[in-house]
Amino acid sequence: MCKHRYRGCSKNKAPKLGDGIYIGPGVKIFGEIEIADNIAIGANSVVNKSFLTPNKTIGNIPAREISDKGTLGLMNLSK
């Protein structure tokens, strides 16, 4: 068992991150969680639960869904 007291702590477990994710500066991601494709995570957010629906924007402490935009349009790679 993990000796840390924060929720979602798992020893030797890493988060699973989908494709096309934007992680803002200062974001903390804790525990054995999953982040779906094309999710944007706002600066200084603390993510301690899974977000399995793609194309969302999350943020806050603790992280919650903010909008349905996600990274679509945020990262225009066609240039």
N, C-alpha and C. Protein backbone atom coordinates (compact mmCIF):
# COMPACT_ATOMS: atom_id res chain seq x y z
N MET A 1 0.85 -1.19 0.00
CA MET A 1 0.00 0.00 0.00
C MET A 1 0.88 1.24 0.00
N CYS A 2 0.42 2.27 -0.63
CA CYS A 2 1.17 3.51 -0.73
C CYS A 2 1.14 4.26 0.59
N LYS A 3 2.26 4.82 0.99
CA LYS A 3 2.34 5.52 2.28
C LYS A 3 1.80 6.95 2.20
N HIS A 4 1.52 7.45 0.98
CA HIS A 4 0.97 8.79 0.85
C HIS A 4 -0.51 8.78 1.17
N ARG A 5 -1.04 9.91 1.57
CA ARG A 5 -2.43 9.96 2.01
C ARG A 5 -3.38 10.55 0.99
N TYR A 6 -2.89 11.03 -0.16
CA TYR A 6 -3.82 11.63 -1.12
C TYR A 6 -4.62 10.55 -1.83
N ARG A 7 -5.82 10.92 -2.23
CA ARG A 7 -6.75 9.99 -2.87
C ARG A 7 -6.20 9.48 -4.21
N GLY A 8 -6.34 8.21 -4.47
CA GLY A 8 -5.92 7.65 -5.74
C GLY A 8 -4.46 7.21 -5.78
N CYS A 9 -3.78 7.26 -4.66
CA CYS A 9 -2.37 6.89 -4.63
C CYS A 9 -2.22 5.38 -4.81
N SER A 10 -1.38 4.99 -5.73
CA SER A 10 -1.09 3.58 -5.96
C SER A 10 0.40 3.43 -6.19
N LYS A 11 1.01 2.55 -5.45
CA LYS A 11 2.44 2.34 -5.59
C LYS A 11 2.76 1.72 -6.95
N ASN A 12 3.74 2.30 -7.63
CA ASN A 12 4.22 1.81 -8.92
C ASN A 12 3.15 1.82 -10.02
N LYS A 13 2.17 2.67 -9.94
CA LYS A 13 1.13 2.77 -10.96
C LYS A 13 1.22 4.15 -11.60
N ALA A 14 1.16 4.18 -12.92
CA ALA A 14 1.26 5.43 -13.65
C ALA A 14 -0.05 5.73 -14.36
N PRO A 15 -0.35 7.01 -14.56
CA PRO A 15 -1.56 7.37 -15.32
C PRO A 15 -1.43 6.90 -16.78
N LYS A 16 -2.57 6.59 -17.41
CA LYS A 16 -2.60 6.23 -18.83
C LYS A 16 -3.19 7.43 -19.57
N LEU A 17 -2.39 8.00 -20.48
CA LEU A 17 -2.79 9.20 -21.20
C LEU A 17 -3.09 8.87 -22.65
N GLY A 18 -4.20 9.39 -23.16
CA GLY A 18 -4.59 9.17 -24.55
C GLY A 18 -3.79 10.03 -25.51
N ASP A 19 -4.17 10.03 -26.77
CA ASP A 19 -3.49 10.79 -27.82
C ASP A 19 -4.04 12.22 -27.88
N GLY A 20 -3.19 13.17 -28.28
CA GLY A 20 -3.61 14.54 -28.53
C GLY A 20 -4.00 15.31 -27.28
N ILE A 21 -3.40 14.99 -26.15
CA ILE A 21 -3.72 15.68 -24.89
C ILE A 21 -2.85 16.92 -24.76
N TYR A 22 -3.47 18.00 -24.26
CA TYR A 22 -2.71 19.21 -23.89
C TYR A 22 -2.69 19.27 -22.38
N ILE A 23 -1.49 19.36 -21.80
CA ILE A 23 -1.33 19.47 -20.36
C ILE A 23 -0.72 20.84 -20.08
N GLY A 24 -1.50 21.70 -19.43
CA GLY A 24 -1.05 23.05 -19.11
C GLY A 24 0.07 23.05 -18.09
N PRO A 25 0.77 24.18 -17.95
CA PRO A 25 1.87 24.27 -17.00
C PRO A 25 1.40 24.09 -15.55
N GLY A 26 2.17 23.37 -14.78
CA GLY A 26 1.90 23.19 -13.35
C GLY A 26 0.85 22.14 -13.03
N VAL A 27 0.39 21.38 -14.01
CA VAL A 27 -0.63 20.35 -13.77
C VAL A 27 -0.02 19.20 -12.97
N LYS A 28 -0.80 18.68 -12.02
CA LYS A 28 -0.40 17.50 -11.24
C LYS A 28 -1.39 16.40 -11.56
N ILE A 29 -0.87 15.21 -11.90
CA ILE A 29 -1.71 14.05 -12.22
C ILE A 29 -1.30 12.94 -11.27
N PHE A 30 -2.25 12.48 -10.43
CA PHE A 30 -1.96 11.51 -9.38
C PHE A 30 -2.73 10.22 -9.58
N GLY A 31 -2.07 9.10 -9.35
CA GLY A 31 -2.73 7.82 -9.25
C GLY A 31 -2.86 7.05 -10.54
N GLU A 32 -3.49 5.91 -10.40
CA GLU A 32 -3.72 5.00 -11.53
C GLU A 32 -5.04 5.41 -12.19
N ILE A 33 -4.96 6.43 -13.04
CA ILE A 33 -6.15 6.97 -13.70
C ILE A 33 -5.95 6.95 -15.21
N GLU A 34 -7.03 7.20 -15.95
CA GLU A 34 -6.97 7.26 -17.41
C GLU A 34 -7.51 8.59 -17.89
N ILE A 35 -6.84 9.15 -18.88
CA ILE A 35 -7.28 10.38 -19.53
C ILE A 35 -7.52 10.04 -21.00
N ALA A 36 -8.73 10.33 -21.50
CA ALA A 36 -9.11 9.98 -22.87
C ALA A 36 -8.40 10.87 -23.90
N ASP A 37 -8.59 10.57 -25.17
CA ASP A 37 -7.98 11.33 -26.28
C ASP A 37 -8.53 12.75 -26.35
N ASN A 38 -7.68 13.66 -26.82
CA ASN A 38 -8.05 15.06 -27.12
C ASN A 38 -8.64 15.81 -25.93
N ILE A 39 -8.08 15.58 -24.75
CA ILE A 39 -8.49 16.33 -23.56
C ILE A 39 -7.47 17.42 -23.29
N ALA A 40 -7.97 18.62 -23.00
CA ALA A 40 -7.11 19.74 -22.60
C ALA A 40 -7.23 19.89 -21.09
N ILE A 41 -6.08 19.98 -20.41
CA ILE A 41 -6.06 20.14 -18.96
C ILE A 41 -5.52 21.53 -18.65
N GLY A 42 -6.32 22.33 -17.96
CA GLY A 42 -5.96 23.71 -17.65
C GLY A 42 -4.80 23.81 -16.68
N ALA A 43 -4.09 24.93 -16.75
CA ALA A 43 -2.91 25.18 -15.93
C ALA A 43 -3.21 25.03 -14.44
N ASN A 44 -2.25 24.47 -13.72
CA ASN A 44 -2.28 24.29 -12.27
C ASN A 44 -3.42 23.41 -11.76
N SER A 45 -4.01 22.60 -12.62
CA SER A 45 -5.08 21.69 -12.20
C SER A 45 -4.49 20.49 -11.47
N VAL A 46 -5.31 19.88 -10.63
CA VAL A 46 -4.93 18.65 -9.94
C VAL A 46 -5.90 17.57 -10.39
N VAL A 47 -5.39 16.58 -11.12
CA VAL A 47 -6.21 15.51 -11.68
C VAL A 47 -6.01 14.26 -10.83
N ASN A 48 -7.07 13.82 -10.14
CA ASN A 48 -6.96 12.64 -9.28
C ASN A 48 -8.06 11.63 -9.56
N LYS A 49 -8.76 11.77 -10.71
CA LYS A 49 -9.74 10.77 -11.13
C LYS A 49 -9.70 10.67 -12.64
N SER A 50 -10.24 9.58 -13.17
CA SER A 50 -10.22 9.33 -14.61
C SER A 50 -11.24 10.20 -15.35
N PHE A 51 -10.89 10.56 -16.58
CA PHE A 51 -11.79 11.24 -17.52
C PHE A 51 -11.77 10.42 -18.79
N LEU A 52 -12.84 9.66 -19.04
CA LEU A 52 -12.86 8.68 -20.11
C LEU A 52 -13.60 9.15 -21.37
N THR A 53 -14.23 10.32 -21.32
CA THR A 53 -14.93 10.85 -22.48
C THR A 53 -13.99 11.77 -23.24
N PRO A 54 -13.73 11.50 -24.54
CA PRO A 54 -12.79 12.33 -25.30
C PRO A 54 -13.36 13.71 -25.61
N ASN A 55 -12.47 14.60 -26.06
CA ASN A 55 -12.83 15.95 -26.53
C ASN A 55 -13.46 16.80 -25.43
N LYS A 56 -12.85 16.82 -24.27
CA LYS A 56 -13.32 17.63 -23.15
C LYS A 56 -12.19 18.54 -22.69
N THR A 57 -12.55 19.62 -22.03
CA THR A 57 -11.58 20.47 -21.34
C THR A 57 -11.84 20.31 -19.86
N ILE A 58 -10.78 20.00 -19.10
CA ILE A 58 -10.91 19.84 -17.66
C ILE A 58 -9.98 20.81 -16.96
N GLY A 59 -10.29 21.11 -15.72
CA GLY A 59 -9.45 21.99 -14.94
C GLY A 59 -10.00 22.16 -13.54
N ASN A 60 -9.26 22.83 -12.68
CA ASN A 60 -9.62 23.17 -11.32
C ASN A 60 -8.91 22.25 -10.34
N ILE A 61 -9.18 22.44 -9.06
CA ILE A 61 -8.59 21.64 -7.99
C ILE A 61 -9.73 21.15 -7.12
N PRO A 62 -10.11 19.89 -7.16
CA PRO A 62 -9.68 18.85 -8.09
C PRO A 62 -10.30 19.07 -9.46
N ALA A 63 -9.75 18.42 -10.46
CA ALA A 63 -10.18 18.63 -11.85
C ALA A 63 -11.62 18.20 -12.05
N ARG A 64 -12.32 18.97 -12.89
CA ARG A 64 -13.70 18.65 -13.29
C ARG A 64 -13.87 19.10 -14.73
N GLU A 65 -14.93 18.64 -15.37
CA GLU A 65 -15.18 19.02 -16.76
C GLU A 65 -15.58 20.49 -16.82
N ILE A 66 -14.94 21.24 -17.76
CA ILE A 66 -15.23 22.65 -17.94
C ILE A 66 -16.00 22.90 -19.23
N SER A 67 -15.60 22.21 -20.32
CA SER A 67 -16.29 22.40 -21.60
C SER A 67 -16.14 21.17 -22.48
N ASP A 68 -16.83 21.22 -23.63
CA ASP A 68 -16.77 20.13 -24.60
C ASP A 68 -15.78 20.39 -25.73
N LYS A 69 -14.94 21.39 -25.61
CA LYS A 69 -14.02 21.75 -26.70
C LYS A 69 -12.81 20.85 -26.77
N GLY A 70 -12.21 20.51 -25.68
CA GLY A 70 -11.01 19.67 -25.68
C GLY A 70 -9.87 20.33 -26.46
N THR A 71 -9.07 19.51 -27.14
CA THR A 71 -7.95 20.06 -27.88
C THR A 71 -8.30 20.36 -29.34
N LEU A 72 -9.53 20.06 -29.76
CA LEU A 72 -9.92 20.36 -31.13
C LEU A 72 -9.89 21.86 -31.35
N GLY A 73 -9.09 22.31 -32.29
CA GLY A 73 -8.94 23.74 -32.54
C GLY A 73 -7.84 24.37 -31.70
N LEU A 74 -7.52 23.79 -30.56
CA LEU A 74 -6.45 24.32 -29.71
C LEU A 74 -5.09 24.10 -30.36
N MET A 75 -4.88 22.89 -30.86
CA MET A 75 -3.62 22.54 -31.51
C MET A 75 -3.88 22.33 -33.00
N ASN A 76 -3.67 23.34 -33.79
CA ASN A 76 -3.86 23.23 -35.23
C ASN A 76 -2.55 22.79 -35.85
N LEU A 77 -2.44 21.51 -36.15
CA LEU A 77 -1.19 20.95 -36.66
C LEU A 77 -1.13 20.93 -38.18
N SER A 78 -2.13 21.48 -38.86
CA SER A 78 -2.17 21.41 -40.31
C SER A 78 -1.27 22.45 -40.99
N LYS A 79 -0.70 23.39 -40.24
CA LYS A 79 0.15 24.43 -40.83
C LYS A 79 1.51 23.91 -41.19
